[in-house]
Amino acid sequence: MTDSVQVSGYKLVQKIGEGGMATVYLAVQESLDREVALKIMSPALAANETFRDQFLKEGRIAAKLTHPHLMTVHDIGSDNGVYYLASEYLPAGTLRDRMQRLNTAEVLEIVRDVASGLSYAHEMGFVHRDVKPGNIMFRSNGSAVLADFGIAKAIKSVSAATMAGNAIGTPDYMSPEQAQATPVDGRSDLYSLGAVLFECLAGRKPYQASDAYAVALMHVTEPVPKLPEKLAWLQPLIDGLMAKRVDDRFANGDAFVAALDRLLAANPQLDAVLRESRSARRRAVAAAGTVSGAVAPTGSRKWIFAGVGIAVVLVASLAWKTWHGKTTGPIESATPIAPTETAPDSPSPPLVMAENAAADANLAKMDLPTLLSRGDEYLAYGEKNYGEKLDFPPGDNATDLFLEARKRDPENGRAAKGLEQIAAFFVNAANSALKNGLYTATDEFIKKGLRADPKNAALLKLKSQLAKAEAG
């Protein structure tokens, strides 16, 4: 039933969603024979110039954001008074739909995906302003995607709504500053993501009251909510996302991801998460396959960030424990919960180029002795802390420091030895991952090791073994 709506170039199949501003249809973009989600603006709102402008602004904002964990917009426009936005069709439903059947490992991977997408959007200058379970959707491969930048706005812009003191968003997940209609930045979205994470883990919303106004007030005045005792080891994540003072939160999505990885690597509960993650990927794909008639969009991703994912961190830490006799249980139960993606050949996105420039600038400030001493420090730390600081963050890790030192002094033995040790660490990690069938993690470890030592024979052999294993 398509309510007799017609848009030139699109064949409407069925209604799949409806909200206050628009109705969403599954449609076929006839020029490319591609399934899309076609958002049609409400006729009543289309008559209002302000809402019309907001709707078009949504599409233009979203079209600028190209990231594997943000919904891809294909087209936006109007046809005979009908305002529409065509985006990729996400067939596997929303986080709200599957929240009750997720385990801890799956929840953390989903939130990790969204944090990555938010970090990119914030770097590009936009705040989402309505992060909630209903706006977190899934591709058929199980990866999480943040949808609906309908009330997003440029960080530097000042909208009439804000000036008038109107708070925009969903009260259950609204940051204190958003509830008070004061200026917001990306950390407001992180607060909302924290509220989503809390609900997924605790099985209830952070604050509950009889009406929306009371809930919004609780976000301003009540302490940060506490997770159940069995999940208390994850409380630092909630504290860092939902701190009442903006400056007390994680600075950005990448900082949250780094904190998550460190927590997983260092915490005794890691083994439980590993056991819990065994069939996560399988369940995600199976859930996507149950959607009737679902067809994954093709050609919608212009580029993919090369991300290690939680699986890599888990394998690295477990491998380290195994080598040093710290693990008492088997590692056969570990399987990756990160979706397998490959990166097509395409130009790097602006964010990556900006990060590389900042990394180069950081390295350029150091003299050779500083590069070597800091490289040694990070290497020693990384070998004891599951690989942390060996190759991340850009410009401030052992690999980058030793490579820069060798660039300035090609015969420097200290730099060469450091790079050999880094490669050896990733040889062991890749071996462990490959033995357990973690091909995505294996590939990432090999890449990291080869960046430090491109001619490392053990890594090149592992690369060949991985190719054979993936070929079946």
Protein backbone atom coordinates (compact mmCIF):
# COMPACT_ATOMS: atom_id res chain seq x y z
CA MET A 1 0.00 0.00 0.00
CA THR A 2 1.68 3.22 -1.16
CA ASP A 3 -1.15 5.69 -0.49
CA SER A 4 -1.13 6.63 -4.20
CA VAL A 5 2.10 8.62 -3.77
CA GLN A 6 4.14 8.92 -6.96
CA VAL A 7 7.68 10.14 -7.51
CA SER A 8 9.19 10.23 -10.98
CA GLY A 9 12.00 7.72 -11.38
CA TYR A 10 10.92 5.58 -8.42
CA LYS A 11 8.54 2.66 -8.10
CA LEU A 12 7.09 2.51 -4.58
CA VAL A 13 6.75 -1.03 -3.24
CA GLN A 14 5.46 -0.73 0.33
CA LYS A 15 5.42 1.53 3.36
CA ILE A 16 8.13 0.59 5.86
CA GLY A 17 8.01 3.44 8.35
CA GLU A 18 6.24 6.61 9.38
CA GLY A 19 7.15 9.55 11.59
CA GLY A 20 6.04 13.05 12.34
CA MET A 21 7.90 14.58 9.43
CA ALA A 22 7.86 11.91 6.76
CA THR A 23 6.77 8.48 5.58
CA VAL A 24 9.34 5.96 4.40
CA TYR A 25 8.75 3.52 1.57
CA LEU A 26 10.68 0.63 0.14
CA ALA A 27 11.09 1.69 -3.47
CA VAL A 28 13.04 0.83 -6.60
CA GLN A 29 15.16 3.52 -8.22
CA GLU A 30 14.30 2.69 -11.80
CA SER A 31 17.38 4.16 -13.47
CA LEU A 32 19.68 1.77 -11.56
CA ASP A 33 17.17 -0.97 -10.68
CA ARG A 34 18.23 -0.45 -7.07
CA GLU A 35 16.18 -0.87 -3.92
CA VAL A 36 16.16 2.27 -1.79
CA ALA A 37 14.43 3.67 1.25
CA LEU A 38 12.41 6.60 -0.08
CA LYS A 39 11.48 9.19 2.53
CA ILE A 40 8.48 11.31 1.53
CA MET A 41 7.86 14.51 3.44
CA SER A 42 4.42 14.98 4.96
CA PRO A 43 2.20 17.05 2.60
CA ALA A 44 1.12 19.24 5.52
CA LEU A 45 4.71 20.02 6.41
CA ALA A 46 5.70 20.43 2.77
CA ALA A 47 3.40 23.43 2.68
CA ASN A 48 5.53 25.07 5.37
CA GLU A 49 8.68 26.67 3.96
CA THR A 50 10.63 26.26 7.20
CA PHE A 51 10.01 22.52 7.43
CA ARG A 52 10.61 22.16 3.72
CA ASP A 53 14.01 23.77 4.08
CA GLN A 54 14.81 21.54 7.06
CA PHE A 55 13.95 18.43 5.09
CA LEU A 56 16.18 19.41 2.18
CA LYS A 57 18.92 20.38 4.62
CA GLU A 58 18.80 16.88 6.09
CA GLY A 59 19.55 15.33 2.74
CA ARG A 60 22.35 17.71 1.91
CA ILE A 61 23.98 17.10 5.29
CA ALA A 62 23.70 13.34 5.06
CA ALA A 63 24.97 13.33 1.47
CA LYS A 64 28.23 14.90 2.65
CA LEU A 65 28.86 12.14 5.18
CA THR A 66 30.40 9.07 3.58
CA HIS A 67 31.28 6.45 6.16
CA PRO A 68 30.61 2.71 6.54
CA HIS A 69 28.60 3.32 9.71
CA LEU A 70 26.50 6.22 8.44
CA MET A 71 23.50 5.77 6.16
CA THR A 72 24.29 6.56 2.52
CA VAL A 73 22.05 9.11 0.77
CA HIS A 74 21.57 8.59 -2.97
CA ASP A 75 19.26 11.41 -4.01
CA ILE A 76 17.12 14.30 -2.76
CA GLY A 77 14.67 16.59 -4.46
CA SER A 78 11.03 17.39 -5.19
CA ASP A 79 8.60 16.17 -7.83
CA ASN A 80 5.27 17.90 -8.38
CA GLY A 81 5.21 19.20 -4.82
CA VAL A 82 6.38 15.89 -3.30
CA TYR A 83 9.64 16.29 -1.38
CA TYR A 84 11.69 13.11 -1.15
CA LEU A 85 15.02 11.67 -0.03
CA ALA A 86 16.35 8.35 -1.33
CA SER A 87 18.85 6.49 0.82
CA GLU A 88 20.29 3.00 0.94
CA TYR A 89 17.80 0.38 1.99
CA LEU A 90 18.82 -1.08 5.34
CA PRO A 91 16.95 -4.39 5.46
CA ALA A 92 17.83 -5.77 8.87
CA GLY A 93 15.79 -3.48 11.11
CA THR A 94 16.78 -1.22 14.00
CA LEU A 95 18.55 -1.61 17.30
CA ARG A 96 15.19 -1.12 18.98
CA ASP A 97 13.92 -4.23 17.17
CA ARG A 98 16.72 -6.52 18.37
CA MET A 99 17.79 -4.90 21.65
CA GLN A 100 16.36 -7.58 23.90
CA ARG A 101 18.23 -10.46 22.26
CA LEU A 102 21.74 -9.00 22.08
CA ASN A 103 24.59 -10.20 24.27
CA THR A 104 27.21 -7.90 25.78
CA ALA A 105 29.77 -8.49 23.03
CA GLU A 106 27.26 -7.64 20.31
CA VAL A 107 26.16 -4.49 22.13
CA LEU A 108 29.74 -3.26 22.47
CA GLU A 109 30.46 -3.89 18.79
CA ILE A 110 27.32 -2.01 17.72
CA VAL A 111 28.14 0.97 19.92
CA ARG A 112 31.70 0.87 18.63
CA ASP A 113 30.43 1.10 15.04
CA VAL A 114 28.19 4.06 15.85
CA ALA A 115 30.94 5.86 17.78
CA SER A 116 33.18 5.53 14.74
CA GLY A 117 30.51 7.06 12.49
CA LEU A 118 29.87 9.87 14.94
CA SER A 119 33.56 10.67 15.21
CA TYR A 120 33.71 11.17 11.46
CA ALA A 121 30.51 13.24 11.32
CA HIS A 122 31.75 15.50 14.12
CA GLU A 123 35.08 15.99 12.36
CA MET A 124 33.10 17.05 9.30
CA GLY A 125 31.29 19.63 11.41
CA PHE A 126 27.90 18.08 12.15
CA VAL A 127 26.02 16.96 15.26
CA HIS A 128 23.32 14.32 14.87
CA ARG A 129 21.19 15.46 17.85
CA ASP A 130 18.92 12.41 17.90
CA VAL A 131 21.01 9.30 18.57
CA LYS A 132 18.57 6.62 19.75
CA PRO A 133 17.90 2.90 19.17
CA GLY A 134 15.39 3.62 16.41
CA ASN A 135 18.01 5.53 14.43
CA ILE A 136 20.62 2.77 14.66
CA MET A 137 19.98 0.34 11.82
CA PHE A 138 21.71 -2.68 10.32
CA ARG A 139 22.92 -3.79 6.95
CA SER A 140 22.31 -7.38 5.92
CA ASN A 141 25.87 -8.29 7.00
CA GLY A 142 25.11 -7.22 10.57
CA SER A 143 27.10 -3.97 10.67
CA ALA A 144 25.48 -1.04 12.49
CA VAL A 145 24.60 2.18 10.66
CA LEU A 146 23.47 5.50 12.12
CA ALA A 147 20.52 6.85 10.15
CA ASP A 148 18.42 10.00 10.00
CA PHE A 149 20.34 13.22 10.24
CA GLY A 150 16.92 14.91 10.12
CA ILE A 151 17.64 17.30 12.97
CA ALA A 152 21.40 17.43 12.53
CA LYS A 153 22.96 20.85 12.21
CA ALA A 154 26.32 22.37 11.48
CA ILE A 155 28.24 22.79 14.72
CA LYS A 156 29.12 26.37 13.86
CA SER A 157 25.66 27.40 12.73
CA VAL A 158 23.02 29.04 14.93
CA SER A 159 19.49 27.92 14.14
CA ALA A 160 16.29 29.76 14.86
CA ALA A 161 15.17 26.80 16.97
CA THR A 162 18.15 27.11 19.30
CA MET A 163 17.80 30.87 19.53
CA ALA A 164 14.18 30.47 20.49
CA GLY A 165 15.13 28.08 23.29
CA ASN A 166 13.63 24.96 21.75
CA ALA A 167 15.27 21.68 22.62
CA ILE A 168 15.29 19.19 19.74
CA GLY A 169 15.72 15.45 20.28
CA THR A 170 14.31 12.45 22.13
CA PRO A 171 14.05 12.99 25.94
CA ASP A 172 15.08 9.43 26.89
CA TYR A 173 18.51 9.95 25.28
CA MET A 174 18.91 13.72 25.46
CA SER A 175 22.09 15.31 26.82
CA PRO A 176 21.78 17.84 29.68
CA GLU A 177 22.85 20.72 27.45
CA GLN A 178 20.37 19.69 24.77
CA ALA A 179 17.57 19.43 27.34
CA GLN A 180 18.36 22.99 28.40
CA ALA A 181 18.45 24.20 24.77
CA THR A 182 22.01 25.46 25.12
CA PRO A 183 24.68 25.12 22.38
CA VAL A 184 25.84 21.55 21.72
CA ASP A 185 28.78 19.87 20.06
CA GLY A 186 29.67 16.27 19.27
CA ARG A 187 29.91 15.34 22.93
CA SER A 188 26.14 15.72 23.14
CA ASP A 189 25.81 12.83 20.69
CA LEU A 190 28.23 10.80 22.81
CA TYR A 191 26.00 11.36 25.84
CA SER A 192 23.05 10.05 23.84
CA LEU A 193 25.11 7.07 22.73
CA GLY A 194 25.91 6.44 26.40
CA ALA A 195 22.19 6.39 27.18
CA VAL A 196 21.67 3.87 24.37
CA LEU A 197 24.55 1.74 25.65
CA PHE A 198 23.15 1.81 29.18
CA GLU A 199 19.70 0.70 28.00
CA CYS A 200 21.17 -2.15 25.95
CA LEU A 201 23.24 -3.41 28.89
CA ALA A 202 20.86 -2.76 31.79
CA GLY A 203 17.60 -3.54 30.02
CA ARG A 204 16.05 -0.22 31.00
CA LYS A 205 16.37 3.42 30.09
CA PRO A 206 18.79 5.52 32.19
CA TYR A 207 16.00 7.64 33.68
CA GLN A 208 12.31 6.92 33.94
CA ALA A 209 9.50 9.29 34.91
CA SER A 210 5.84 9.94 34.24
CA ASP A 211 6.35 12.45 31.43
CA ALA A 212 8.94 13.60 28.90
CA TYR A 213 9.66 16.86 30.71
CA ALA A 214 10.50 15.02 33.94
CA VAL A 215 12.82 12.66 32.05
CA ALA A 216 14.63 15.58 30.43
CA LEU A 217 15.05 17.20 33.83
CA MET A 218 16.54 14.00 35.26
CA HIS A 219 19.21 14.05 32.55
CA VAL A 220 20.20 17.47 33.90
CA THR A 221 19.98 16.87 37.65
CA GLU A 222 20.33 13.14 38.43
CA PRO A 223 23.68 11.32 38.85
CA VAL A 224 25.07 9.16 36.06
CA PRO A 225 23.12 5.86 36.18
CA LYS A 226 24.85 2.73 37.47
CA LEU A 227 24.96 -0.58 35.63
CA PRO A 228 23.96 -3.83 37.36
CA GLU A 229 26.71 -5.33 39.51
CA LYS A 230 27.63 -8.05 37.01
CA LEU A 231 28.33 -5.35 34.40
CA ALA A 232 30.01 -2.88 36.75
CA TRP A 233 33.33 -3.43 34.97
CA LEU A 234 31.82 -1.51 32.02
CA GLN A 235 30.74 1.44 34.20
CA PRO A 236 33.77 3.57 33.14
CA LEU A 237 32.32 3.65 29.63
CA ILE A 238 28.97 4.95 30.89
CA ASP A 239 30.73 7.48 33.13
CA GLY A 240 32.84 8.76 30.25
CA LEU A 241 29.89 9.04 27.88
CA MET A 242 27.21 10.35 30.24
CA ALA A 243 29.16 12.75 32.46
CA LYS A 244 26.97 15.74 33.24
CA ARG A 245 29.77 18.22 32.52
CA VAL A 246 30.64 18.24 28.84
CA ASP A 247 34.36 18.53 29.55
CA ASP A 248 34.27 15.35 31.66
CA ARG A 249 33.11 13.20 28.73
CA PHE A 250 35.21 11.46 26.12
CA ALA A 251 36.54 14.10 23.76
CA ASN A 252 35.26 12.28 20.67
CA GLY A 253 34.11 8.91 19.37
CA ASP A 254 37.65 7.72 18.73
CA ALA A 255 38.57 8.41 22.36
CA PHE A 256 35.62 6.27 23.45
CA VAL A 257 36.67 3.44 21.11
CA ALA A 258 40.22 3.55 22.47
CA ALA A 259 38.91 3.42 26.05
CA LEU A 260 36.65 0.49 25.15
CA ASP A 261 39.55 -1.41 23.61
CA ARG A 262 41.75 -0.81 26.65
CA LEU A 263 39.00 -1.92 29.01
CA LEU A 264 38.40 -5.14 27.09
CA ALA A 265 42.10 -5.89 26.91
CA ALA A 266 42.80 -5.30 30.59
CA ASN A 267 39.70 -6.60 32.35
CA PRO A 268 39.24 -10.07 33.85
CA GLN A 269 35.75 -10.21 32.35
CA LEU A 270 37.36 -10.38 28.91
CA ASP A 271 37.11 -14.17 28.79
CA ALA A 272 33.36 -14.02 29.36
CA VAL A 273 33.01 -11.54 26.51
CA LEU A 274 35.02 -13.83 24.27
CA ARG A 275 32.77 -16.79 25.08
CA GLU A 276 29.71 -14.64 24.57
CA SER A 277 30.86 -13.49 21.15
CA ARG A 278 31.15 -16.97 19.64
CA SER A 279 28.11 -16.87 17.38
CA ALA A 280 27.46 -13.13 17.32
CA ARG A 281 28.40 -12.66 13.69
CA ARG A 282 26.41 -15.73 12.67
CA ARG A 283 23.31 -14.49 14.49
CA ALA A 284 23.59 -11.02 12.97
CA VAL A 285 23.73 -12.40 9.45
CA ALA A 286 20.92 -14.86 10.18
CA ALA A 287 18.74 -12.07 11.55
CA ALA A 288 19.32 -10.03 8.40
CA GLY A 289 18.35 -13.00 6.28
CA THR A 290 14.93 -13.28 7.92
CA VAL A 291 13.77 -9.98 6.43
CA SER A 292 11.41 -10.86 3.60
CA GLY A 293 12.65 -9.75 0.23
CA ALA A 294 15.64 -7.93 1.69
CA VAL A 295 18.32 -7.10 -0.83
CA ALA A 296 21.57 -5.53 0.27
CA PRO A 297 22.35 -2.31 -1.62
CA THR A 298 25.27 -2.43 -4.00
CA GLY A 299 27.76 0.29 -4.79
CA SER A 300 26.62 2.40 -1.86
CA ARG A 301 29.93 2.51 0.01
CA LYS A 302 32.45 4.80 -1.63
CA TRP A 303 35.16 3.80 0.82
CA ILE A 304 35.61 1.80 3.97
CA PHE A 305 37.68 2.79 6.99
CA ALA A 306 40.34 0.18 7.70
CA GLY A 307 39.34 -0.67 11.27
CA VAL A 308 40.61 -3.40 13.50
CA GLY A 309 37.36 -3.80 15.45
CA ILE A 310 36.78 -5.39 18.82
CA ALA A 311 37.69 -8.82 17.47
CA VAL A 312 41.26 -7.72 16.82
CA VAL A 313 41.67 -6.30 20.30
CA LEU A 314 40.23 -9.41 21.88
CA VAL A 315 42.50 -11.71 19.92
CA ALA A 316 45.58 -9.58 20.61
CA SER A 317 45.00 -9.60 24.34
CA LEU A 318 44.16 -13.28 24.45
CA ALA A 319 47.19 -14.15 22.35
CA TRP A 320 49.42 -12.16 24.70
CA LYS A 321 47.97 -13.92 27.73
CA THR A 322 48.51 -17.28 26.06
CA TRP A 323 52.18 -16.59 25.25
CA HIS A 324 52.85 -15.59 28.87
CA GLY A 325 50.85 -18.33 30.57
CA LYS A 326 48.10 -16.03 31.84
CA THR A 327 45.22 -17.83 30.14
CA THR A 328 43.84 -21.03 31.61
CA GLY A 329 41.04 -21.70 29.13
CA PRO A 330 41.09 -22.63 25.44
CA ILE A 331 40.86 -19.95 22.77
CA GLU A 332 38.89 -21.98 20.25
CA SER A 333 35.68 -20.21 21.27
CA ALA A 334 36.80 -16.84 19.98
CA THR A 335 35.25 -15.67 16.72
CA PRO A 336 35.13 -12.13 15.37
CA ILE A 337 32.07 -10.02 16.03
CA ALA A 338 33.15 -7.32 13.62
CA PRO A 339 31.71 -7.54 10.09
CA THR A 340 34.18 -8.45 7.38
CA GLU A 341 34.72 -5.55 5.01
CA THR A 342 37.26 -4.98 2.26
CA ALA A 343 38.55 -1.60 1.25
CA PRO A 344 38.24 -0.80 -2.45
CA ASP A 345 40.88 1.27 -4.18
CA SER A 346 39.69 4.86 -3.82
CA PRO A 347 40.99 8.20 -2.56
CA SER A 348 41.30 8.56 1.20
CA PRO A 349 38.52 10.57 2.83
CA PRO A 350 39.26 14.10 4.06
CA LEU A 351 39.26 12.94 7.70
CA VAL A 352 42.03 10.43 7.08
CA MET A 353 44.10 13.02 5.23
CA ALA A 354 43.67 15.45 8.10
CA GLU A 355 44.72 12.80 10.61
CA ASN A 356 47.82 11.97 8.55
CA ALA A 357 48.80 15.62 8.34
CA ALA A 358 48.43 16.02 12.11
CA ALA A 359 50.49 12.86 12.68
CA ASP A 360 53.28 14.10 10.41
CA ALA A 361 53.30 17.45 12.17
CA ASN A 362 53.58 15.77 15.57
CA LEU A 363 56.55 13.67 14.46
CA ALA A 364 58.28 16.65 12.84
CA LYS A 365 58.44 18.42 16.22
CA MET A 366 60.66 15.72 17.77
CA ASP A 367 64.42 15.36 17.44
CA LEU A 368 66.02 11.95 16.83
CA PRO A 369 66.80 11.13 20.49
CA THR A 370 63.21 11.91 21.48
CA LEU A 371 61.83 9.73 18.68
CA LEU A 372 63.97 6.79 19.81
CA SER A 373 63.41 7.14 23.55
CA ARG A 374 59.66 7.53 23.17
CA GLY A 375 59.58 4.65 20.69
CA ASP A 376 61.36 2.42 23.21
CA GLU A 377 58.92 3.52 25.91
CA TYR A 378 55.86 2.77 23.80
CA LEU A 379 57.30 -0.57 22.67
CA ALA A 380 57.90 -1.73 26.23
CA TYR A 381 54.44 -0.57 27.24
CA GLY A 382 52.76 -2.22 24.25
CA GLU A 383 54.44 -5.57 24.82
CA LYS A 384 53.03 -5.62 28.35
CA ASN A 385 49.61 -4.15 27.47
CA TYR A 386 48.35 -6.24 24.54
CA GLY A 387 49.74 -4.05 21.76
CA GLU A 388 48.54 -0.67 22.98
CA LYS A 389 50.64 2.23 21.61
CA LEU A 390 52.42 -0.03 19.11
CA ASP A 391 50.65 1.45 16.06
CA PHE A 392 47.95 3.81 17.33
CA PRO A 393 47.15 6.70 17.55
CA PRO A 394 48.66 8.17 14.37
CA GLY A 395 51.88 10.06 15.01
CA ASP A 396 52.10 8.92 18.61
CA ASN A 397 52.91 5.22 18.51
CA ALA A 398 56.04 3.07 18.46
CA THR A 399 55.81 2.18 14.76
CA ASP A 400 55.51 5.77 13.56
CA LEU A 401 58.27 6.93 15.90
CA PHE A 402 60.77 4.28 14.79
CA LEU A 403 59.88 4.74 11.11
CA GLU A 404 60.47 8.47 11.41
CA ALA A 405 63.78 7.85 13.18
CA ARG A 406 64.89 5.46 10.44
CA LYS A 407 63.85 7.96 7.76
CA ARG A 408 66.20 10.50 9.30
CA ASP A 409 68.95 7.97 10.00
CA PRO A 410 68.56 4.92 7.69
CA GLU A 411 71.33 2.99 9.45
CA ASN A 412 69.98 3.53 12.97
CA GLY A 413 70.20 0.14 14.69
CA ARG A 414 67.95 1.11 17.58
CA ALA A 415 65.09 2.00 15.26
CA ALA A 416 65.61 -1.17 13.21
CA LYS A 417 65.53 -3.36 16.32
CA GLY A 418 62.37 -1.65 17.57
CA LEU A 419 60.57 -2.25 14.27
CA GLU A 420 61.66 -5.90 14.31
CA GLN A 421 60.21 -6.34 17.80
CA ILE A 422 56.92 -4.75 16.74
CA ALA A 423 56.72 -7.08 13.75
CA ALA A 424 57.43 -10.05 16.02
CA PHE A 425 54.54 -9.05 18.28
CA PHE A 426 52.15 -9.02 15.33
CA VAL A 427 53.55 -12.31 13.99
CA ASN A 428 52.47 -13.99 17.22
CA ALA A 429 49.11 -12.22 17.23
CA ALA A 430 48.45 -13.16 13.58
CA ASN A 431 49.41 -16.79 14.21
CA SER A 432 46.97 -17.01 17.09
CA ALA A 433 44.20 -15.39 15.09
CA LEU A 434 44.73 -17.61 12.06
CA LYS A 435 44.67 -20.79 14.15
CA ASN A 436 41.24 -19.78 15.45
CA GLY A 437 39.81 -18.88 12.04
CA LEU A 438 39.76 -15.12 12.72
CA TYR A 439 40.62 -14.07 9.20
CA THR A 440 39.73 -10.39 9.52
CA ALA A 441 41.86 -10.07 12.63
CA THR A 442 44.69 -12.04 11.02
CA ASP A 443 44.73 -9.71 8.04
CA GLU A 444 44.85 -6.63 10.26
CA PHE A 445 47.73 -8.02 12.34
CA ILE A 446 49.70 -8.87 9.21
CA LYS A 447 49.20 -5.36 7.82
CA LYS A 448 50.34 -3.80 11.08
CA GLY A 449 53.41 -6.01 11.25
CA LEU A 450 54.37 -5.40 7.62
CA ARG A 451 54.13 -1.67 8.12
CA ALA A 452 56.90 -2.00 10.69
CA ASP A 453 58.92 -4.59 8.74
CA PRO A 454 57.77 -4.97 5.09
CA LYS A 455 60.20 -7.83 4.38
CA ASN A 456 59.42 -9.90 7.47
CA ALA A 457 59.49 -13.52 6.25
CA ALA A 458 57.11 -14.84 8.92
CA LEU A 459 54.48 -12.21 8.12
CA LEU A 460 54.77 -12.81 4.37
CA LYS A 461 54.33 -16.53 4.97
CA LEU A 462 51.27 -15.84 7.12
CA LYS A 463 49.86 -13.66 4.37
CA SER A 464 50.12 -16.57 1.96
CA GLN A 465 48.57 -18.96 4.50
CA LEU A 466 45.69 -16.55 5.08
CA ALA A 467 44.99 -16.31 1.35
CA LYS A 468 44.82 -20.12 1.13
CA ALA A 469 42.57 -20.34 4.18
CA GLU A 470 40.17 -17.73 2.82
CA ALA A 471 40.04 -19.51 -0.53
CA GLY A 472 38.75 -22.57 1.30
